[in-house]
Amino acid sequence: MIESLVSFHDFNLESLLASGLLARVEHHPTLTSTNDHARELAAQSPATLPLLVIADEQTAGRGRGANRWWTGPGSLACSLLFDPAVRGIERRYHSMISLAAAVAIVDAVSPLVADRPLGVHWPNDVFVAGRKLAGILVEALPDGKHILGIGCNVNNSLAAAPAELQAIVTSLADVSGRMQHRTAFLLDLLERLHANLDLLASSPGSLGERADQMCLQRGRRLTVESGSRRKTGICAGVAQDGALLLETPAGLEKHYSGVLIRET
């Protein structure tokens, strides 16, 4: 039985700021999208960075492409506005920011679901026990700043999810059978993300290796769509530079961006 503790649904902004990982935090009961609000804040001059936006509810949460993200009560929906250049991350490795976040989520979740298969679906999802737990949306702004959006099903129950999602998503509460303290979980996630962004600046190949170790798609037949181009092959893991490796009739191919439209 899942424990019920109302305080687990609260965020302690003072604790988040005291971590030293953030310069500013905003918490909103409802937003259309944390990424959209972070974009609005970025247009203000000057924006104090890094800035974290948290929402209890998103009425128009977004995923990659035309996908939408469901934000149920008790979930974690947040967006980090930061400048990769300030962190020393080279432009050619910006596409690995989503992997840095995915690896951080896996590491934060692992102690909580130790008996369940857990890992990364390239380029931006985390799965546990065969179901989607978290999604990541990274958006680059014209001035070089980036918005890193994270949606993670923490204390929300899938019983409240839209019918079309109940068979394909899961939450920490449902998997572990207990509620999580969202502030503690978010702090742990931010610390791991901070370390991974530093690693992306100093040793991007090491981050690519970690993503490869966590890859759940190895051996699966994948179709990647990028614009009007589609490629199908057998997943051979993740390269050190963050590319998806596909074994195709033409040989081993590296894909740095795209949307997975089919997995078998």
C-alpha atoms as a PDB file:
ATOM      1  CA  MET A   1       0.000   0.000   0.000  1.00  0.00           C
ATOM      2  CA  ILE A   2       1.270   3.457  -0.904  1.00  0.00           C
ATOM      3  CA  GLU A   3       1.841   5.728   2.094  1.00  0.00           C
ATOM      4  CA  SER A   4      -0.065   8.999   2.187  1.00  0.00           C
ATOM      5  CA  LEU A   5       1.866  12.032   3.374  1.00  0.00           C
ATOM      6  CA  VAL A   6       0.771  15.454   2.146  1.00  0.00           C
ATOM      7  CA  SER A   7       4.140  17.073   2.884  1.00  0.00           C
ATOM      8  CA  PHE A   8       5.734  14.798   0.305  1.00  0.00           C
ATOM      9  CA  HIS A   9       3.890  16.820  -2.329  1.00  0.00           C
ATOM     10  CA  ASP A  10       5.417  20.110  -1.186  1.00  0.00           C
ATOM     11  CA  PHE A  11       8.613  21.736  -2.475  1.00  0.00           C
ATOM     12  CA  ASN A  12      11.002  23.490  -0.095  1.00  0.00           C
ATOM     13  CA  LEU A  13      12.407  26.354  -2.153  1.00  0.00           C
ATOM     14  CA  GLU A  14      14.774  27.418   0.629  1.00  0.00           C
ATOM     15  CA  SER A  15      16.431  23.997   0.583  1.00  0.00           C
ATOM     16  CA  LEU A  16      16.762  24.127  -3.186  1.00  0.00           C
ATOM     17  CA  LEU A  17      18.445  27.540  -3.078  1.00  0.00           C
ATOM     18  CA  ALA A  18      20.643  26.547  -0.125  1.00  0.00           C
ATOM     19  CA  SER A  19      22.116  23.739  -2.242  1.00  0.00           C
ATOM     20  CA  GLY A  20      24.187  26.315  -4.133  1.00  0.00           C
ATOM     21  CA  LEU A  21      23.186  24.695  -7.430  1.00  0.00           C
ATOM     22  CA  LEU A  22      20.653  27.372  -8.374  1.00  0.00           C
ATOM     23  CA  ALA A  23      20.572  31.159  -8.430  1.00  0.00           C
ATOM     24  CA  ARG A  24      16.781  31.412  -8.608  1.00  0.00           C
ATOM     25  CA  VAL A  25      13.770  29.117  -8.187  1.00  0.00           C
ATOM     26  CA  GLU A  26      10.129  29.663  -9.133  1.00  0.00           C
ATOM     27  CA  HIS A  27       7.315  27.344  -8.052  1.00  0.00           C
ATOM     28  CA  HIS A  28       3.868  27.614  -9.642  1.00  0.00           C
ATOM     29  CA  PRO A  29       0.685  25.646  -8.922  1.00  0.00           C
ATOM     30  CA  THR A  30      -0.198  25.677 -12.635  1.00  0.00           C
ATOM     31  CA  LEU A  31       1.604  26.580 -15.861  1.00  0.00           C
ATOM     32  CA  THR A  32       0.932  25.766 -19.464  1.00  0.00           C
ATOM     33  CA  SER A  33       4.530  24.512 -19.711  1.00  0.00           C
ATOM     34  CA  THR A  34       7.602  24.999 -17.531  1.00  0.00           C
ATOM     35  CA  ASN A  35       9.743  25.212 -20.675  1.00  0.00           C
ATOM     36  CA  ASP A  36       7.528  27.943 -22.094  1.00  0.00           C
ATOM     37  CA  HIS A  37       7.671  29.924 -18.860  1.00  0.00           C
ATOM     38  CA  ALA A  38      11.456  29.544 -18.706  1.00  0.00           C
ATOM     39  CA  ARG A  39      11.606  30.888 -22.262  1.00  0.00           C
ATOM     40  CA  GLU A  40       9.587  33.930 -21.190  1.00  0.00           C
ATOM     41  CA  LEU A  41      11.931  34.530 -18.252  1.00  0.00           C
ATOM     42  CA  ALA A  42      14.948  34.204 -20.534  1.00  0.00           C
ATOM     43  CA  ALA A  43      13.622  37.101 -22.597  1.00  0.00           C
ATOM     44  CA  GLN A  44      13.807  39.316 -19.538  1.00  0.00           C
ATOM     45  CA  SER A  45      17.098  41.150 -19.065  1.00  0.00           C
ATOM     46  CA  PRO A  46      19.077  40.108 -17.226  1.00  0.00           C
ATOM     47  CA  ALA A  47      17.992  36.574 -16.297  1.00  0.00           C
ATOM     48  CA  THR A  48      19.611  35.257 -13.122  1.00  0.00           C
ATOM     49  CA  LEU A  49      21.069  31.833 -13.930  1.00  0.00           C
ATOM     50  CA  PRO A  50      20.831  28.998 -13.380  1.00  0.00           C
ATOM     51  CA  LEU A  51      17.087  29.344 -12.954  1.00  0.00           C
ATOM     52  CA  LEU A  52      14.703  26.509 -12.109  1.00  0.00           C
ATOM     53  CA  VAL A  53      10.964  26.638 -12.843  1.00  0.00           C
ATOM     54  CA  ILE A  54       8.718  24.067 -11.130  1.00  0.00           C
ATOM     55  CA  ALA A  55       5.005  23.476 -11.707  1.00  0.00           C
ATOM     56  CA  ASP A  56       2.571  21.217  -9.875  1.00  0.00           C
ATOM     57  CA  GLU A  57       0.447  21.044 -13.003  1.00  0.00           C
ATOM     58  CA  GLN A  58       1.089  21.666 -16.695  1.00  0.00           C
ATOM     59  CA  THR A  59      -1.908  22.232 -18.913  1.00  0.00           C
ATOM     60  CA  ALA A  60       0.141  21.931 -22.115  1.00  0.00           C
ATOM     61  CA  GLY A  61       3.306  20.059 -21.177  1.00  0.00           C
ATOM     62  CA  ARG A  62       5.420  19.251 -24.219  1.00  0.00           C
ATOM     63  CA  GLY A  63       7.634  16.406 -25.323  1.00  0.00           C
ATOM     64  CA  ARG A  64       9.692  15.961 -28.483  1.00  0.00           C
ATOM     65  CA  GLY A  65       7.931  16.706 -31.759  1.00  0.00           C
ATOM     66  CA  ALA A  66       4.165  16.740 -31.376  1.00  0.00           C
ATOM     67  CA  ASN A  67       4.222  14.647 -28.191  1.00  0.00           C
ATOM     68  CA  ARG A  68       2.541  15.868 -25.029  1.00  0.00           C
ATOM     69  CA  TRP A  69       3.578  15.184 -21.449  1.00  0.00           C
ATOM     70  CA  TRP A  70       1.001  14.293 -18.811  1.00  0.00           C
ATOM     71  CA  THR A  71       1.647  15.965 -15.432  1.00  0.00           C
ATOM     72  CA  GLY A  72      -0.396  14.185 -12.793  1.00  0.00           C
ATOM     73  CA  PRO A  73      -0.754  15.356  -9.178  1.00  0.00           C
ATOM     74  CA  GLY A  74       2.452  14.586  -7.299  1.00  0.00           C
ATOM     75  CA  SER A  75       4.691  14.377 -10.352  1.00  0.00           C
ATOM     76  CA  LEU A  76       7.815  16.436 -10.973  1.00  0.00           C
ATOM     77  CA  ALA A  77       7.719  18.966 -13.806  1.00  0.00           C
ATOM     78  CA  CYS A  78      10.588  21.421 -13.971  1.00  0.00           C
ATOM     79  CA  SER A  79      12.799  23.334 -16.384  1.00  0.00           C
ATOM     80  CA  LEU A  80      16.361  24.510 -15.858  1.00  0.00           C
ATOM     81  CA  LEU A  81      17.464  27.632 -17.728  1.00  0.00           C
ATOM     82  CA  PHE A  82      21.253  27.758 -18.007  1.00  0.00           C
ATOM     83  CA  ASP A  83      24.114  28.676 -20.340  1.00  0.00           C
ATOM     84  CA  PRO A  84      26.216  25.701 -21.525  1.00  0.00           C
ATOM     85  CA  ALA A  85      29.066  28.057 -22.508  1.00  0.00           C
ATOM     86  CA  VAL A  86      29.362  29.305 -18.922  1.00  0.00           C
ATOM     87  CA  ARG A  87      29.697  25.674 -17.847  1.00  0.00           C
ATOM     88  CA  GLY A  88      32.417  25.075 -20.448  1.00  0.00           C
ATOM     89  CA  ILE A  89      30.354  22.716 -22.605  1.00  0.00           C
ATOM     90  CA  GLU A  90      31.472  22.833 -26.235  1.00  0.00           C
ATOM     91  CA  ARG A  91      28.792  23.480 -28.832  1.00  0.00           C
ATOM     92  CA  ARG A  92      29.391  20.151 -30.550  1.00  0.00           C
ATOM     93  CA  TYR A  93      28.338  18.362 -27.357  1.00  0.00           C
ATOM     94  CA  HIS A  94      25.119  20.296 -26.762  1.00  0.00           C
ATOM     95  CA  SER A  95      23.132  17.364 -28.171  1.00  0.00           C
ATOM     96  CA  MET A  96      24.345  15.295 -25.190  1.00  0.00           C
ATOM     97  CA  ILE A  97      22.646  17.521 -22.609  1.00  0.00           C
ATOM     98  CA  SER A  98      19.528  15.344 -22.742  1.00  0.00           C
ATOM     99  CA  LEU A  99      21.672  12.264 -22.086  1.00  0.00           C
ATOM    100  CA  ALA A 100      23.334  14.025 -19.149  1.00  0.00           C
ATOM    101  CA  ALA A 101      19.867  14.505 -17.662  1.00  0.00           C
ATOM    102  CA  ALA A 102      18.728  10.958 -18.466  1.00  0.00           C
ATOM    103  CA  VAL A 103      21.801   9.451 -16.782  1.00  0.00           C
ATOM    104  CA  ALA A 104      21.207  11.685 -13.738  1.00  0.00           C
ATOM    105  CA  ILE A 105      17.597  10.507 -13.487  1.00  0.00           C
ATOM    106  CA  VAL A 106      18.621   6.845 -13.712  1.00  0.00           C
ATOM    107  CA  ASP A 107      21.208   7.328 -10.957  1.00  0.00           C
ATOM    108  CA  ALA A 108      18.695   9.139  -8.730  1.00  0.00           C
ATOM    109  CA  VAL A 109      15.977   6.538  -9.277  1.00  0.00           C
ATOM    110  CA  SER A 110      18.162   3.425  -9.062  1.00  0.00           C
ATOM    111  CA  PRO A 111      18.303   3.176  -5.228  1.00  0.00           C
ATOM    112  CA  LEU A 112      14.524   3.524  -5.083  1.00  0.00           C
ATOM    113  CA  VAL A 113      13.707   0.689  -7.525  1.00  0.00           C
ATOM    114  CA  ALA A 114      16.737  -1.561  -7.080  1.00  0.00           C
ATOM    115  CA  ASP A 115      14.900  -4.727  -8.154  1.00  0.00           C
ATOM    116  CA  ARG A 116      13.480  -3.365 -11.411  1.00  0.00           C
ATOM    117  CA  PRO A 117      15.143  -3.035 -14.843  1.00  0.00           C
ATOM    118  CA  LEU A 118      15.989   0.638 -15.310  1.00  0.00           C
ATOM    119  CA  GLY A 119      17.765   2.577 -18.007  1.00  0.00           C
ATOM    120  CA  VAL A 120      17.821   5.070 -20.880  1.00  0.00           C
ATOM    121  CA  HIS A 121      15.895   5.132 -24.130  1.00  0.00           C
ATOM    122  CA  TRP A 122      17.901   7.343 -26.500  1.00  0.00           C
ATOM    123  CA  PRO A 123      17.725  10.259 -26.769  1.00  0.00           C
ATOM    124  CA  ASN A 124      15.590  11.562 -23.930  1.00  0.00           C
ATOM    125  CA  ASP A 125      13.584   9.017 -21.955  1.00  0.00           C
ATOM    126  CA  VAL A 126      14.032   6.912 -18.834  1.00  0.00           C
ATOM    127  CA  PHE A 127      12.204   3.595 -18.528  1.00  0.00           C
ATOM    128  CA  VAL A 128      11.681   1.302 -15.547  1.00  0.00           C
ATOM    129  CA  ALA A 129      10.156  -2.179 -15.741  1.00  0.00           C
ATOM    130  CA  GLY A 130       9.415  -1.637 -19.430  1.00  0.00           C
ATOM    131  CA  ARG A 131       7.428   1.558 -18.934  1.00  0.00           C
ATOM    132  CA  LYS A 132       8.242   5.244 -19.335  1.00  0.00           C
ATOM    133  CA  LEU A 133       9.082   6.983 -16.084  1.00  0.00           C
ATOM    134  CA  ALA A 134      10.607  10.277 -17.233  1.00  0.00           C
ATOM    135  CA  GLY A 135      11.015  12.411 -20.321  1.00  0.00           C
ATOM    136  CA  ILE A 136      13.408  15.217 -21.190  1.00  0.00           C
ATOM    137  CA  LEU A 137      12.998  18.148 -23.558  1.00  0.00           C
ATOM    138  CA  VAL A 138      16.013  20.365 -24.326  1.00  0.00           C
ATOM    139  CA  GLU A 139      15.508  23.600 -26.246  1.00  0.00           C
ATOM    140  CA  ALA A 140      18.253  25.946 -27.402  1.00  0.00           C
ATOM    141  CA  LEU A 141      17.613  29.688 -27.424  1.00  0.00           C
ATOM    142  CA  PRO A 142      19.044  32.082 -30.037  1.00  0.00           C
ATOM    143  CA  ASP A 143      21.518  33.570 -27.544  1.00  0.00           C
ATOM    144  CA  GLY A 144      22.985  30.167 -26.698  1.00  0.00           C
ATOM    145  CA  LYS A 145      21.154  29.587 -23.430  1.00  0.00           C
ATOM    146  CA  HIS A 146      19.398  26.242 -23.056  1.00  0.00           C
ATOM    147  CA  ILE A 147      16.193  25.135 -21.385  1.00  0.00           C
ATOM    148  CA  LEU A 148      16.360  21.638 -19.948  1.00  0.00           C
ATOM    149  CA  GLY A 149      12.866  20.386 -19.216  1.00  0.00           C
ATOM    150  CA  ILE A 150      12.324  17.289 -17.090  1.00  0.00           C
ATOM    151  CA  GLY A 151       9.076  15.467 -16.430  1.00  0.00           C
ATOM    152  CA  CYS A 152       9.262  12.572 -13.982  1.00  0.00           C
ATOM    153  CA  ASN A 153       6.374  10.557 -12.585  1.00  0.00           C
ATOM    154  CA  VAL A 154       7.186  10.605  -8.873  1.00  0.00           C
ATOM    155  CA  ASN A 155       4.136  10.477  -6.578  1.00  0.00           C
ATOM    156  CA  ASN A 156       1.414  10.539  -9.201  1.00  0.00           C
ATOM    157  CA  SER A 157      -0.542   7.323  -9.626  1.00  0.00           C
ATOM    158  CA  LEU A 158      -1.192   5.877 -13.054  1.00  0.00           C
ATOM    159  CA  ALA A 159      -4.772   5.237 -12.018  1.00  0.00           C
ATOM    160  CA  ALA A 160      -5.316   8.952 -12.709  1.00  0.00           C
ATOM    161  CA  ALA A 161      -3.521   8.935 -16.069  1.00  0.00           C
ATOM    162  CA  PRO A 162      -5.327   9.227 -19.398  1.00  0.00           C
ATOM    163  CA  ALA A 163      -6.500   5.796 -20.567  1.00  0.00           C
ATOM    164  CA  GLU A 164      -4.141   5.760 -23.552  1.00  0.00           C
ATOM    165  CA  LEU A 165      -1.123   6.164 -21.245  1.00  0.00           C
ATOM    166  CA  GLN A 166      -1.918   3.686 -18.491  1.00  0.00           C
ATOM    167  CA  ALA A 167      -0.328   0.747 -20.313  1.00  0.00           C
ATOM    168  CA  ILE A 168       2.895   2.515 -21.288  1.00  0.00           C
ATOM    169  CA  VAL A 169       3.921   4.771 -18.382  1.00  0.00           C
ATOM    170  CA  THR A 170       4.677   4.248 -14.700  1.00  0.00           C
ATOM    171  CA  SER A 171       5.585   6.237 -11.579  1.00  0.00           C
ATOM    172  CA  LEU A 172       7.987   5.858  -8.675  1.00  0.00           C
ATOM    173  CA  ALA A 173       5.044   5.563  -6.281  1.00  0.00           C
ATOM    174  CA  ASP A 174       3.495   2.750  -8.296  1.00  0.00           C
ATOM    175  CA  VAL A 175       6.773   0.889  -8.825  1.00  0.00           C
ATOM    176  CA  SER A 176       8.167   1.237  -5.300  1.00  0.00           C
ATOM    177  CA  GLY A 177       4.875   1.151  -3.404  1.00  0.00           C
ATOM    178  CA  ARG A 178       5.760   4.242  -1.392  1.00  0.00           C
ATOM    179  CA  MET A 179       5.715   7.998  -1.702  1.00  0.00           C
ATOM    180  CA  GLN A 180       8.931   9.962  -2.264  1.00  0.00           C
ATOM    181  CA  HIS A 181       9.853  13.296  -0.723  1.00  0.00           C
ATOM    182  CA  ARG A 182       9.897  15.414  -3.856  1.00  0.00           C
ATOM    183  CA  THR A 183      12.300  18.064  -2.547  1.00  0.00           C
ATOM    184  CA  ALA A 184      14.831  15.411  -1.493  1.00  0.00           C
ATOM    185  CA  PHE A 185      14.426  13.640  -4.832  1.00  0.00           C
ATOM    186  CA  LEU A 186      14.818  16.889  -6.783  1.00  0.00           C
ATOM    187  CA  LEU A 187      17.913  17.889  -4.792  1.00  0.00           C
ATOM    188  CA  ASP A 188      19.535  14.534  -5.467  1.00  0.00           C
ATOM    189  CA  LEU A 189      18.652  14.804  -9.149  1.00  0.00           C
ATOM    190  CA  LEU A 190      20.048  18.344  -9.402  1.00  0.00           C
ATOM    191  CA  GLU A 191      23.319  17.307  -7.747  1.00  0.00           C
ATOM    192  CA  ARG A 192      23.721  14.425 -10.185  1.00  0.00           C
ATOM    193  CA  LEU A 193      22.788  16.642 -13.131  1.00  0.00           C
ATOM    194  CA  HIS A 194      25.311  19.256 -11.998  1.00  0.00           C
ATOM    195  CA  ALA A 195      28.031  16.591 -11.905  1.00  0.00           C
ATOM    196  CA  ASN A 196      27.042  15.254 -15.340  1.00  0.00           C
ATOM    197  CA  LEU A 197      27.122  18.708 -16.934  1.00  0.00           C
ATOM    198  CA  ASP A 198      30.608  19.164 -15.483  1.00  0.00           C
ATOM    199  CA  LEU A 199      31.536  15.774 -16.940  1.00  0.00           C
ATOM    200  CA  LEU A 200      30.121  16.827 -20.302  1.00  0.00           C
ATOM    201  CA  ALA A 201      32.469  19.813 -20.215  1.00  0.00           C
ATOM    202  CA  SER A 202      35.572  17.927 -19.074  1.00  0.00           C
ATOM    203  CA  SER A 203      35.148  14.392 -20.437  1.00  0.00           C
ATOM    204  CA  PRO A 204      32.138  14.009 -22.763  1.00  0.00           C
ATOM    205  CA  GLY A 205      33.268  10.538 -23.810  1.00  0.00           C
ATOM    206  CA  SER A 206      32.860   9.328 -20.229  1.00  0.00           C
ATOM    207  CA  LEU A 207      29.270  10.531 -20.193  1.00  0.00           C
ATOM    208  CA  GLY A 208      28.653   8.780 -23.518  1.00  0.00           C
ATOM    209  CA  GLU A 209      30.014   5.564 -22.042  1.00  0.00           C
ATOM    210  CA  ARG A 210      27.661   5.814 -19.069  1.00  0.00           C
ATOM    211  CA  ALA A 211      24.685   6.377 -21.380  1.00  0.00           C
ATOM    212  CA  ASP A 212      25.760   3.345 -23.402  1.00  0.00           C
ATOM    213  CA  GLN A 213      25.911   1.219 -20.251  1.00  0.00           C
ATOM    214  CA  MET A 214      22.356   2.286 -19.393  1.00  0.00           C
ATOM    215  CA  CYS A 215      20.966   1.824 -22.923  1.00  0.00           C
ATOM    216  CA  LEU A 216      17.873  -0.409 -22.907  1.00  0.00           C
ATOM    217  CA  GLN A 217      17.463  -0.405 -26.687  1.00  0.00           C
ATOM    218  CA  ARG A 218      20.504  -2.470 -27.624  1.00  0.00           C
ATOM    219  CA  GLY A 219      19.535  -5.264 -30.006  1.00  0.00           C
ATOM    220  CA  ARG A 220      16.158  -3.754 -30.835  1.00  0.00           C
ATOM    221  CA  ARG A 221      15.037  -2.786 -34.299  1.00  0.00           C
ATOM    222  CA  LEU A 222      14.621   1.001 -34.343  1.00  0.00           C
ATOM    223  CA  THR A 223      13.377   3.494 -36.895  1.00  0.00           C
ATOM    224  CA  VAL A 224      14.707   7.034 -36.549  1.00  0.00           C
ATOM    225  CA  GLU A 225      12.990   9.944 -38.269  1.00  0.00           C
ATOM    226  CA  SER A 226      14.849  13.193 -38.881  1.00  0.00           C
ATOM    227  CA  GLY A 227      12.889  15.604 -41.048  1.00  0.00           C
ATOM    228  CA  SER A 228      11.775  13.650 -44.123  1.00  0.00           C
ATOM    229  CA  ARG A 229      14.514  11.053 -43.632  1.00  0.00           C
ATOM    230  CA  ARG A 230      13.885   7.664 -42.027  1.00  0.00           C
ATOM    231  CA  LYS A 231      16.454   5.052 -41.138  1.00  0.00           C
ATOM    232  CA  THR A 232      15.866   1.589 -39.710  1.00  0.00           C
ATOM    233  CA  GLY A 233      18.434  -0.688 -38.101  1.00  0.00           C
ATOM    234  CA  ILE A 234      19.404  -2.704 -35.060  1.00  0.00           C
ATOM    235  CA  CYS A 235      20.504  -0.621 -32.098  1.00  0.00           C
ATOM    236  CA  ALA A 236      24.173  -1.139 -31.219  1.00  0.00           C
ATOM    237  CA  GLY A 237      24.101   1.231 -28.241  1.00  0.00           C
ATOM    238  CA  VAL A 238      25.240   4.808 -27.718  1.00  0.00           C
ATOM    239  CA  ALA A 239      28.539   6.194 -29.001  1.00  0.00           C
ATOM    240  CA  GLN A 240      30.944   8.161 -26.814  1.00  0.00           C
ATOM    241  CA  ASP A 241      29.804  11.355 -28.523  1.00  0.00           C
ATOM    242  CA  GLY A 242      26.159  10.614 -27.701  1.00  0.00           C
ATOM    243  CA  ALA A 243      25.089   9.365 -31.118  1.00  0.00           C
ATOM    244  CA  LEU A 244      22.674   6.461 -31.495  1.00  0.00           C
ATOM    245  CA  LEU A 245      24.438   3.543 -33.177  1.00  0.00           C
ATOM    246  CA  LEU A 246      22.390   1.648 -35.752  1.00  0.00           C
ATOM    247  CA  GLU A 247      23.483  -1.472 -37.626  1.00  0.00           C
ATOM    248  CA  THR A 248      21.971  -1.133 -41.101  1.00  0.00           C
ATOM    249  CA  PRO A 249      22.444  -3.001 -44.414  1.00  0.00           C
ATOM    250  CA  ALA A 250      24.821  -0.175 -45.360  1.00  0.00           C
ATOM    251  CA  GLY A 251      26.885  -0.631 -42.196  1.00  0.00           C
ATOM    252  CA  LEU A 252      27.076   1.005 -38.781  1.00  0.00           C
ATOM    253  CA  GLU A 253      25.482   4.455 -38.744  1.00  0.00           C
ATOM    254  CA  LYS A 254      25.581   7.234 -36.157  1.00  0.00           C
ATOM    255  CA  HIS A 255      22.506   9.383 -35.552  1.00  0.00           C
ATOM    256  CA  TYR A 256      22.861  12.560 -33.524  1.00  0.00           C
ATOM    257  CA  SER A 257      19.235  13.685 -33.599  1.00  0.00           C
ATOM    258  CA  GLY A 258      15.834  12.443 -34.546  1.00  0.00           C
ATOM    259  CA  VAL A 259      12.626  10.969 -33.218  1.00  0.00           C
ATOM    260  CA  LEU A 260      12.142   7.247 -32.690  1.00  0.00           C
ATOM    261  CA  ILE A 261       8.926   6.320 -34.434  1.00  0.00           C
ATOM    262  CA  ARG A 262       9.065   2.547 -34.022  1.00  0.00           C
ATOM    263  CA  GLU A 263      10.747  -0.028 -31.797  1.00  0.00           C
ATOM    264  CA  THR A 264      10.517  -3.824 -32.084  1.00  0.00           C
END
